[in-house]
Amino acid sequence: MLCQDCKKKEATVHMTQIINNEKIDLNLCRECAEKRGFHSPLEGKAFPLAEFLASILDQSLQKVPPELKESKCSVCRIGYPDFVKSGRLGCGNCYKIFRPQLKDLLRKIHGSDVHRGKIPGVGEDVMKPVREQRRLQEQLKKAVEAEDFEKAAQIRDRIKALERGR
């Protein structure tokens, strides 16, 4: 997208202003944004993501059982205290090893440990069975609570069929 002002350079500053209930979108190059007086307060400064995560993790480290504090990833050998200090995991296996702590961290940051947004590169056809299984599991739970065991058995069988189809 080209800059709205100079119409020559690529727009890198994207702003939305609402003035008198009217929405105005601005797409400007850096130079035109500076001419208008816009600048990023974080420009030239490293975003302290590692420190932010570390501060959250530091609090949760006190709640972690001692055996987990001393556990290490079998692949990259990173320990939970190392993760707390750096805010970064060493490899994909770390997500399995530190899953309970990560779930707690995600709940604190995002309010949930369940992804509810879009999944990049995955079409609707891939997600249909997953959504159907979740819907059926919810129905199964309600059927069991209502003590409708025949319906629960039918739903259970549908869930198993879905799982076999994957």
Protein backbone atom coordinates (compact mmCIF):
# COMPACT_ATOMS: atom_id res chain seq x y z
CA MET A 1 0.00 0.00 0.00
CA LEU A 2 1.38 3.40 -0.97
CA CYS A 3 1.57 6.41 1.31
CA GLN A 4 -1.59 8.53 1.14
CA ASP A 5 0.42 11.78 1.16
CA CYS A 6 3.38 11.33 -1.18
CA LYS A 7 1.95 8.36 -3.14
CA LYS A 8 5.54 7.22 -3.79
CA LYS A 9 6.79 5.19 -0.84
CA GLU A 10 5.37 2.15 0.91
CA ALA A 11 3.10 3.02 3.86
CA THR A 12 4.64 1.76 7.12
CA VAL A 13 2.64 3.86 9.61
CA HIS A 14 -1.02 2.90 9.91
CA MET A 15 -3.24 4.94 12.20
CA THR A 16 -6.93 5.18 12.87
CA GLN A 17 -8.35 8.35 14.36
CA ILE A 18 -11.91 8.92 15.46
CA ILE A 19 -12.89 12.57 15.47
CA ASN A 20 -16.52 13.58 16.14
CA ASN A 21 -17.64 9.95 15.65
CA GLU A 22 -15.98 9.89 12.22
CA LYS A 23 -13.32 7.26 11.57
CA ILE A 24 -10.24 8.35 9.61
CA ASP A 25 -7.63 5.81 8.48
CA LEU A 26 -4.13 7.08 7.70
CA ASN A 27 -1.55 5.04 5.82
CA LEU A 28 1.71 6.94 5.60
CA CYS A 29 5.39 6.39 4.93
CA ARG A 30 7.75 7.19 7.80
CA GLU A 31 8.77 10.59 6.37
CA CYS A 32 5.19 11.79 5.81
CA ALA A 33 4.18 10.56 9.27
CA GLU A 34 7.04 12.56 10.80
CA LYS A 35 5.95 15.67 8.83
CA ARG A 36 2.50 15.27 10.40
CA GLY A 37 4.10 14.92 13.84
CA PHE A 38 3.51 11.19 14.35
CA HIS A 39 6.26 9.09 15.89
CA SER A 40 6.45 5.87 17.86
CA PRO A 41 7.40 6.24 21.53
CA LEU A 42 9.10 2.84 21.28
CA GLU A 43 11.16 3.74 18.22
CA GLY A 44 14.81 2.88 18.69
CA LYS A 45 14.09 0.99 21.89
CA ALA A 46 14.01 -2.77 22.20
CA PHE A 47 10.63 -4.05 23.31
CA PRO A 48 11.29 -5.81 26.60
CA LEU A 49 9.18 -8.90 25.88
CA ALA A 50 11.59 -11.19 27.68
CA GLU A 51 11.50 -8.98 30.79
CA PHE A 52 7.70 -8.75 30.63
CA LEU A 53 7.34 -12.54 30.45
CA ALA A 54 10.00 -13.01 33.10
CA SER A 55 8.13 -10.76 35.53
CA ILE A 56 4.96 -12.81 35.06
CA LEU A 57 6.84 -16.09 35.18
CA ASP A 58 8.83 -15.04 38.24
CA GLN A 59 5.61 -14.87 40.24
CA SER A 60 4.47 -18.28 38.97
CA LEU A 61 7.90 -19.80 39.67
CA GLN A 62 7.18 -19.53 43.38
CA LYS A 63 4.09 -21.75 42.92
CA VAL A 64 5.91 -24.44 40.92
CA PRO A 65 6.66 -27.71 42.74
CA PRO A 66 10.42 -28.22 43.35
CA GLU A 67 10.61 -31.21 41.00
CA LEU A 68 9.37 -29.05 38.10
CA LYS A 69 11.82 -26.26 38.98
CA GLU A 70 14.61 -28.77 38.46
CA SER A 71 13.15 -30.47 35.37
CA LYS A 72 14.91 -29.97 32.05
CA CYS A 73 13.92 -30.53 28.46
CA SER A 74 15.35 -33.83 27.24
CA VAL A 75 16.10 -32.34 23.81
CA CYS A 76 17.61 -28.88 24.38
CA ARG A 77 18.36 -29.21 28.12
CA ILE A 78 16.72 -25.86 29.01
CA GLY A 79 15.34 -25.75 32.54
CA TYR A 80 12.26 -23.91 33.77
CA PRO A 81 14.36 -21.27 35.60
CA ASP A 82 16.22 -20.63 32.31
CA PHE A 83 12.87 -20.12 30.60
CA VAL A 84 11.82 -17.71 33.34
CA LYS A 85 15.01 -15.65 32.91
CA SER A 86 14.97 -15.47 29.12
CA GLY A 87 11.24 -15.66 28.36
CA ARG A 88 12.06 -18.12 25.56
CA LEU A 89 11.79 -21.86 25.18
CA GLY A 90 14.59 -23.82 23.56
CA CYS A 91 12.65 -26.18 21.27
CA GLY A 92 9.26 -27.67 20.45
CA ASN A 93 9.65 -30.37 23.10
CA CYS A 94 9.77 -27.65 25.80
CA TYR A 95 6.06 -27.02 25.17
CA LYS A 96 5.32 -30.58 26.30
CA ILE A 97 7.66 -30.48 29.31
CA PHE A 98 6.47 -27.10 30.65
CA ARG A 99 2.83 -27.41 29.54
CA PRO A 100 1.25 -26.81 33.01
CA GLN A 101 3.26 -23.63 33.54
CA LEU A 102 2.60 -22.42 29.99
CA LYS A 103 -1.14 -22.97 30.42
CA ASP A 104 -1.04 -20.81 33.55
CA LEU A 105 1.03 -18.16 31.76
CA LEU A 106 -1.32 -18.07 28.76
CA ARG A 107 -4.30 -17.71 31.08
CA LYS A 108 -2.61 -14.72 32.72
CA ILE A 109 -1.65 -13.03 29.46
CA HIS A 110 -4.63 -13.86 27.21
CA GLY A 111 -7.34 -14.72 29.71
CA SER A 112 -7.55 -18.27 28.33
CA ASP A 113 -5.30 -21.17 27.44
CA VAL A 114 -7.52 -22.20 24.51
CA HIS A 115 -6.95 -20.72 21.05
CA ARG A 116 -10.17 -19.31 19.64
CA GLY A 117 -8.87 -17.30 16.69
CA LYS A 118 -7.92 -18.12 13.14
CA ILE A 119 -5.31 -20.73 12.36
CA PRO A 120 -2.98 -19.51 9.61
CA GLY A 121 -2.81 -21.73 6.55
CA VAL A 122 -5.59 -24.05 7.69
CA GLY A 123 -8.83 -24.08 5.76
CA GLU A 124 -12.34 -24.49 7.09
CA ASP A 125 -12.47 -28.10 5.84
CA VAL A 126 -9.64 -29.06 8.22
CA MET A 127 -11.32 -27.44 11.21
CA LYS A 128 -14.83 -28.87 10.65
CA PRO A 129 -14.11 -32.24 12.30
CA VAL A 130 -12.40 -30.53 15.24
CA ARG A 131 -15.34 -28.19 15.78
CA GLU A 132 -17.80 -31.07 15.37
CA GLN A 133 -15.90 -33.11 17.97
CA ARG A 134 -15.98 -30.21 20.44
CA ARG A 135 -19.71 -29.75 19.85
CA LEU A 136 -20.33 -33.48 20.35
CA GLN A 137 -18.25 -33.54 23.54
CA GLU A 138 -20.38 -30.71 24.91
CA GLN A 139 -23.54 -32.65 23.99
CA LEU A 140 -22.10 -35.77 25.61
CA LYS A 141 -21.44 -33.88 28.83
CA LYS A 142 -25.03 -32.58 28.87
CA ALA A 143 -26.47 -36.02 28.13
CA VAL A 144 -24.50 -37.58 31.00
CA GLU A 145 -25.56 -34.79 33.37
CA ALA A 146 -29.18 -35.39 32.34
CA GLU A 147 -28.59 -39.15 32.83
CA ASP A 148 -29.69 -39.83 29.24
CA PHE A 149 -27.23 -42.69 28.81
CA GLU A 150 -28.63 -43.99 25.51
CA LYS A 151 -28.11 -40.60 23.88
CA ALA A 152 -24.69 -40.36 25.55
CA ALA A 153 -23.66 -43.71 24.07
CA GLN A 154 -24.76 -42.60 20.58
CA ILE A 155 -22.79 -39.36 20.91
CA ARG A 156 -19.76 -41.26 22.22
CA ASP A 157 -19.89 -43.51 19.15
CA ARG A 158 -20.08 -40.48 16.84
CA ILE A 159 -17.03 -38.98 18.57
CA LYS A 160 -15.09 -42.24 18.13
CA ALA A 161 -16.07 -42.35 14.44
CA LEU A 162 -14.79 -38.79 14.01
CA GLU A 163 -11.51 -39.70 15.69
CA ARG A 164 -11.06 -42.71 13.42
CA GLY A 165 -11.72 -40.54 10.36
CA ARG A 166 -8.73 -38.27 11.09
